[in-house]
Protein backbone atom coordinates (compact mmCIF):
# COMPACT_ATOMS: atom_id res chain seq x y z
CA MET A 1 126.60 99.72 92.58
CA VAL A 2 123.64 101.03 94.61
CA ALA A 3 125.76 103.94 95.91
CA THR A 4 126.73 104.86 92.34
CA ALA A 5 123.11 104.68 91.19
CA ALA A 6 122.02 106.79 94.17
CA ALA A 7 124.67 109.41 93.39
CA GLY A 8 123.51 109.52 89.77
CA CYS A 9 119.88 109.93 90.85
CA VAL A 10 120.86 112.72 93.23
CA ALA A 11 122.67 114.57 90.42
CA VAL A 12 119.71 114.22 88.06
CA LEU A 13 117.28 115.26 90.81
CA ALA A 14 119.34 118.37 91.59
CA ALA A 15 119.33 119.31 87.90
CA MET A 16 115.56 118.80 87.64
CA LEU A 17 114.88 120.80 90.81
CA SER A 18 116.88 123.69 89.38
CA LEU A 19 114.37 123.89 86.52
CA THR A 20 111.77 125.37 88.86
CA GLY A 21 113.96 128.43 89.29
CA ALA A 22 114.83 128.80 85.60
CA ALA A 23 113.53 131.59 83.45
CA VAL A 24 110.58 130.77 81.27
CA SER A 25 110.60 131.77 77.60
CA ALA A 26 109.11 135.13 76.68
CA GLY A 27 105.39 135.14 76.07
CA SER A 28 104.63 132.06 78.15
CA HIS A 29 102.42 132.12 81.23
CA TRP A 30 104.09 130.99 84.44
CA THR A 31 103.17 131.41 88.08
CA ASN A 32 105.86 130.74 90.64
CA TYR A 33 104.03 128.30 92.86
CA CYS A 34 105.72 126.29 95.58
CA GLN A 35 107.69 129.37 96.62
CA ALA A 36 107.47 128.24 100.25
CA ILE A 37 109.58 125.19 99.44
CA PRO A 38 113.28 125.92 99.10
CA ILE A 39 115.16 124.21 96.30
CA VAL A 40 117.79 122.02 97.92
CA THR A 41 120.45 119.56 96.85
CA VAL A 42 119.07 116.18 97.83
CA THR A 43 121.68 113.91 99.39
CA PRO A 44 121.54 110.09 99.27
CA GLU A 45 120.18 110.03 102.85
CA MET A 46 117.18 112.19 101.86
CA TRP A 47 113.98 111.48 99.99
CA GLY A 48 113.06 113.93 97.26
CA PHE A 49 111.38 114.27 93.90
CA HIS A 50 110.43 116.54 91.05
CA ALA A 51 107.47 115.56 88.87
CA GLY A 52 106.82 117.62 85.78
CA HIS A 53 107.90 121.15 84.96
CA PRO A 54 106.51 124.55 85.93
CA ILE A 55 103.16 124.96 84.22
CA THR A 56 103.38 127.27 81.21
CA GLY A 57 100.24 126.35 79.27
CA ALA A 58 96.49 126.30 79.75
CA THR A 59 96.64 122.96 81.60
CA GLY A 60 99.19 120.97 83.53
CA THR A 61 100.37 119.64 86.84
CA TYR A 62 103.61 119.37 88.71
CA ALA A 63 104.87 118.52 92.15
CA ARG A 64 108.07 118.60 94.11
CA GLY A 65 109.21 117.85 97.63
CA HIS A 66 112.07 116.77 99.83
CA GLY A 67 112.88 115.70 103.37
CA HIS A 68 114.73 113.30 105.59
CA ALA A 69 113.88 109.75 106.61
CA ASN A 70 115.27 107.57 109.36
CA LEU A 71 114.39 104.16 107.91
CA SER A 72 115.27 102.14 111.03
CA ALA A 73 113.08 104.37 113.26
CA ARG A 74 110.39 104.70 110.52
CA THR A 75 110.31 108.48 110.94
CA ALA A 76 110.32 111.22 108.32
CA ASP A 77 110.00 114.95 107.86
CA GLY A 78 109.85 117.37 104.95
CA VAL A 79 107.48 119.24 102.69
CA ILE A 80 105.68 118.61 99.38
CA CYS A 81 103.91 120.95 96.97
CA GLN A 82 101.54 120.05 94.13
CA VAL A 83 99.90 122.39 91.58
CA ASN A 84 97.12 121.48 89.13
CA ARG A 85 95.85 123.71 86.33
CA ALA A 86 92.64 122.80 84.49
CA ARG A 87 91.57 124.73 81.39
CA GLY A 88 89.41 127.70 82.34
CA LYS A 89 89.68 126.96 86.09
CA ARG A 90 91.57 128.58 88.90
CA ASP A 91 94.94 126.92 89.67
CA ARG A 92 94.89 124.60 92.67
CA GLU A 93 97.99 124.40 94.87
CA ILE A 94 98.41 122.31 98.00
CA ILE A 95 101.38 122.24 100.36
CA LEU A 96 101.74 119.11 102.44
CA SER A 97 103.49 118.48 105.73
CA ILE A 98 104.97 115.05 106.35
CA GLY A 99 103.72 112.91 109.23
CA HIS A 100 106.31 111.94 111.81
CA LEU A 101 105.90 108.19 111.13
CA PHE A 102 105.77 106.71 107.64
CA ASN A 103 103.91 103.58 106.54
CA TYR A 104 106.37 101.59 104.48
CA SER A 105 109.81 101.54 102.91
CA SER A 106 111.83 98.92 101.07
CA HIS A 107 115.11 98.66 99.21
CA TYR A 108 113.82 95.56 97.43
CA ALA A 109 110.64 96.92 95.86
CA VAL A 110 109.61 96.09 92.30
CA LYS A 111 107.33 98.46 90.43
CA TRP A 112 106.78 98.81 86.67
CA GLY A 113 108.80 95.59 86.37
CA VAL A 114 112.03 97.13 87.69
CA PRO A 115 113.73 97.10 91.11
CA GLY A 116 114.01 100.18 93.27
CA ASN A 117 113.61 101.88 96.63
CA ILE A 118 110.13 102.86 97.79
CA ILE A 119 108.72 104.89 100.67
CA GLN A 120 105.11 105.69 101.55
CA LEU A 121 104.76 108.91 103.53
CA ASN A 122 101.78 110.05 105.57
CA VAL A 123 100.95 113.65 104.65
CA ARG A 124 98.52 116.35 105.76
CA VAL A 125 97.37 119.42 103.82
CA LYS A 126 99.13 122.41 105.39
CA HIS A 127 98.03 125.08 102.85
CA SER A 128 95.49 124.94 100.03
CA THR A 129 94.06 127.18 97.31
CA ASP A 130 91.55 124.41 96.48
CA PRO A 131 88.33 125.11 98.45
CA ARG A 132 87.40 121.41 98.44
CA CYS A 133 90.78 120.20 99.71
CA ARG A 134 90.89 121.75 103.16
CA VAL A 135 93.80 122.29 105.50
CA GLY A 136 94.19 119.27 107.77
CA THR A 137 93.07 116.65 105.21
CA PRO A 138 95.26 113.53 105.52
CA GLY A 139 96.70 111.55 102.62
CA GLN A 140 99.65 109.48 101.47
CA VAL A 141 102.44 110.00 98.96
CA THR A 142 104.33 106.97 97.63
CA ILE A 143 107.72 107.62 96.03
CA PHE A 144 109.45 104.94 93.94
CA ALA A 145 113.07 105.39 92.84
CA SER A 146 114.26 102.81 90.32
CA TYR A 147 117.90 101.78 90.26
CA ASN A 148 120.46 99.68 88.33
CA GLY A 149 120.57 102.14 85.44
CA VAL A 150 116.83 102.00 84.69
CA HIS A 151 114.71 105.17 84.90
CA ARG A 152 111.10 104.24 85.82
CA ASP A 153 110.53 106.55 88.82
CA SER A 154 107.05 107.42 90.05
CA VAL A 155 105.23 109.52 92.65
CA GLN A 156 101.64 108.75 93.63
CA PHE A 157 99.35 111.07 95.63
CA SER A 158 96.43 109.35 97.43
CA PHE A 159 93.71 111.38 99.16
CA PRO A 160 90.11 110.97 100.37
CA ALA A 161 87.22 112.27 98.26
CA ALA A 162 87.58 115.89 99.45
CA CYS A 163 90.97 116.13 97.76
CA ALA A 164 90.19 113.84 94.82
CA ARG A 165 91.42 116.47 92.33
CA HIS A 166 94.91 115.99 93.78
CA ARG A 167 95.03 112.20 93.37
CA ARG A 168 97.80 111.81 90.82
CA LEU A 169 100.26 109.26 89.57
CA TYR A 170 103.34 110.90 88.06
CA THR A 171 105.49 108.71 85.80
CA GLY A 172 107.72 109.27 82.79
CA LEU A 173 111.03 110.86 81.99
CA ASP A 174 110.26 114.15 83.76
CA VAL A 175 109.79 112.36 87.10
CA VAL A 176 113.03 112.16 89.07
CA THR A 177 113.09 110.71 92.58
CA ASN A 178 115.43 109.74 95.36
CA VAL A 179 114.54 107.30 98.15
CA PRO A 180 117.27 106.38 100.62
CA PRO A 181 118.22 102.69 100.65
CA ASN A 182 117.46 100.66 103.81
């Protein structure tokens, strides 16, 4: 059952990731951020997520990322991008590299009252257009992938004060994640 749920999540995640390359309707404002991150098909052995949609209005936020994790060795790799747009402010994009060792993972996690897989990755700012959030700043990203036919996925960005504008909790139907099972 877990394999079937994982395959379903992978298919949904691939569909959501393809949205970032889709054309935006005429007359809308869209900047192609996260260009440095290729859109890939996430396999069940990979972690990956898409949170939100490309920003087309005066405000918004979205994030996406993917990589590999060796759960028994507690190692990971990959890349994450997050963009925030505040009304009347310059857009703020950060690209994060993934630390070699991750903090935590579980196939038996419960979040939002539902079971799922969870992984907490150590990250470091690799590129930034936010003058407060400097290259080299460490942080953590926690990815929760619900299973058993329930969709309550989430992605949480945690940073020190310098990158406080990038602390986000993404939840809802436009958040699609994959975390490999232990």
